Amino acid sequence: MEAIRLEFKSEIKEKILALLSSFSSDDLKIEFEDPDFEENKKKLDLAFAKIKNGTAKFYTLEEVDELLEKTISKYEN
């Protein structure tokens, strides 16, 4: 199958979906995009760049567990 991205005015969304719904699910699959996709992509690109250039901070499981325990105990009361 092939994929394309459509951009359209919100006023015609129902007409487009009605037209696309006339096709069988074997011929066409409608997938809605995540509205936060671009923002999430930017965050992931920045994180990946830090990993690639060696400036990312990594933690062991023990360090994460200790940090979580401290945070939880801080807000328990």
C-alpha atoms as a PDB file:
ATOM      1  CA  MET A   1       0.000   0.000   0.000  1.00  0.00           C
ATOM      2  CA  GLU A   2       1.022   3.602  -0.504  1.00  0.00           C
ATOM      3  CA  ALA A   3       0.533   6.525   1.881  1.00  0.00           C
ATOM      4  CA  ILE A   4      -0.209  10.188   1.206  1.00  0.00           C
ATOM      5  CA  ARG A   5      -0.843  13.140   3.473  1.00  0.00           C
ATOM      6  CA  LEU A   6      -3.827  15.401   2.840  1.00  0.00           C
ATOM      7  CA  GLU A   7      -4.236  18.938   4.116  1.00  0.00           C
ATOM      8  CA  PHE A   8      -7.674  20.482   3.857  1.00  0.00           C
ATOM      9  CA  LYS A   9      -9.952  23.080   5.388  1.00  0.00           C
ATOM     10  CA  SER A  10     -11.913  21.778   8.351  1.00  0.00           C
ATOM     11  CA  GLU A  11     -15.197  22.607   6.606  1.00  0.00           C
ATOM     12  CA  ILE A  12     -14.723  19.815   4.066  1.00  0.00           C
ATOM     13  CA  LYS A  13     -13.515  17.108   6.482  1.00  0.00           C
ATOM     14  CA  GLU A  14     -16.894  15.333   6.591  1.00  0.00           C
ATOM     15  CA  LYS A  15     -17.117  15.235   2.779  1.00  0.00           C
ATOM     16  CA  ILE A  16     -13.611  13.829   2.458  1.00  0.00           C
ATOM     17  CA  LEU A  17     -14.224  11.180   5.124  1.00  0.00           C
ATOM     18  CA  ALA A  18     -17.537  10.232   3.489  1.00  0.00           C
ATOM     19  CA  LEU A  19     -15.806   9.768   0.138  1.00  0.00           C
ATOM     20  CA  LEU A  20     -12.928   7.780   1.637  1.00  0.00           C
ATOM     21  CA  SER A  21     -15.330   5.627   3.665  1.00  0.00           C
ATOM     22  CA  SER A  22     -16.872   4.377   0.418  1.00  0.00           C
ATOM     23  CA  PHE A  23     -13.743   2.257  -0.188  1.00  0.00           C
ATOM     24  CA  SER A  24     -13.300  -1.145   1.419  1.00  0.00           C
ATOM     25  CA  SER A  25     -10.926  -1.541   4.361  1.00  0.00           C
ATOM     26  CA  ASP A  26      -8.819  -3.825   2.150  1.00  0.00           C
ATOM     27  CA  ASP A  27      -8.276  -0.952  -0.288  1.00  0.00           C
ATOM     28  CA  LEU A  28      -7.958   1.978   2.107  1.00  0.00           C
ATOM     29  CA  LYS A  29      -6.977   2.475   5.722  1.00  0.00           C
ATOM     30  CA  ILE A  30      -7.608   5.875   7.342  1.00  0.00           C
ATOM     31  CA  GLU A  31      -5.047   6.834   9.984  1.00  0.00           C
ATOM     32  CA  PHE A  32      -5.364  10.101  11.858  1.00  0.00           C
ATOM     33  CA  GLU A  33      -2.174  11.946  12.719  1.00  0.00           C
ATOM     34  CA  ASP A  34      -1.096  12.794  16.224  1.00  0.00           C
ATOM     35  CA  PRO A  35      -1.748  16.542  16.663  1.00  0.00           C
ATOM     36  CA  ASP A  36       1.457  16.806  18.723  1.00  0.00           C
ATOM     37  CA  PHE A  37       3.606  15.012  16.147  1.00  0.00           C
ATOM     38  CA  GLU A  38       5.752  17.995  15.117  1.00  0.00           C
ATOM     39  CA  GLU A  39       6.378  19.065  18.729  1.00  0.00           C
ATOM     40  CA  ASN A  40       7.271  15.500  19.762  1.00  0.00           C
ATOM     41  CA  LYS A  41       9.531  15.122  16.736  1.00  0.00           C
ATOM     42  CA  LYS A  42      11.479  18.259  17.706  1.00  0.00           C
ATOM     43  CA  LYS A  43      11.952  16.970  21.261  1.00  0.00           C
ATOM     44  CA  LEU A  44      13.140  13.594  20.028  1.00  0.00           C
ATOM     45  CA  ASP A  45      15.486  15.183  17.474  1.00  0.00           C
ATOM     46  CA  LEU A  46      17.069  17.288  20.262  1.00  0.00           C
ATOM     47  CA  ALA A  47      17.430  14.258  22.533  1.00  0.00           C
ATOM     48  CA  PHE A  48      18.963  12.213  19.713  1.00  0.00           C
ATOM     49  CA  ALA A  49      21.411  15.021  18.898  1.00  0.00           C
ATOM     50  CA  LYS A  50      22.561  15.055  22.550  1.00  0.00           C
ATOM     51  CA  ILE A  51      23.103  11.295  22.430  1.00  0.00           C
ATOM     52  CA  LYS A  52      25.078  11.565  19.197  1.00  0.00           C
ATOM     53  CA  ASN A  53      27.316  14.411  20.405  1.00  0.00           C
ATOM     54  CA  GLY A  54      27.910  12.835  23.833  1.00  0.00           C
ATOM     55  CA  THR A  55      26.202  15.488  25.985  1.00  0.00           C
ATOM     56  CA  ALA A  56      23.224  13.330  27.059  1.00  0.00           C
ATOM     57  CA  LYS A  57      22.989  12.365  30.732  1.00  0.00           C
ATOM     58  CA  PHE A  58      22.399   8.668  31.349  1.00  0.00           C
ATOM     59  CA  TYR A  59      21.342   6.991  34.602  1.00  0.00           C
ATOM     60  CA  THR A  60      21.660   3.448  35.892  1.00  0.00           C
ATOM     61  CA  LEU A  61      18.539   1.654  37.107  1.00  0.00           C
ATOM     62  CA  GLU A  62      19.765   2.070  40.659  1.00  0.00           C
ATOM     63  CA  GLU A  63      20.158   5.843  40.203  1.00  0.00           C
ATOM     64  CA  VAL A  64      16.664   6.143  38.736  1.00  0.00           C
ATOM     65  CA  ASP A  65      15.209   4.070  41.570  1.00  0.00           C
ATOM     66  CA  GLU A  66      16.916   6.276  44.166  1.00  0.00           C
ATOM     67  CA  LEU A  67      15.734   9.455  42.442  1.00  0.00           C
ATOM     68  CA  LEU A  68      12.156   8.167  42.266  1.00  0.00           C
ATOM     69  CA  GLU A  69      12.190   7.107  45.929  1.00  0.00           C
ATOM     70  CA  LYS A  70      13.376  10.578  46.961  1.00  0.00           C
ATOM     71  CA  THR A  71      10.721  12.258  44.814  1.00  0.00           C
ATOM     72  CA  ILE A  72       7.939   9.993  46.090  1.00  0.00           C
ATOM     73  CA  SER A  73       8.898  10.449  49.741  1.00  0.00           C
ATOM     74  CA  LYS A  74       9.029  14.209  49.238  1.00  0.00           C
ATOM     75  CA  TYR A  75       5.366  14.289  48.170  1.00  0.00           C
ATOM     76  CA  GLU A  76       3.967  11.456  50.327  1.00  0.00           C
ATOM     77  CA  ASN A  77       2.822  13.653  53.195  1.00  0.00           C
END
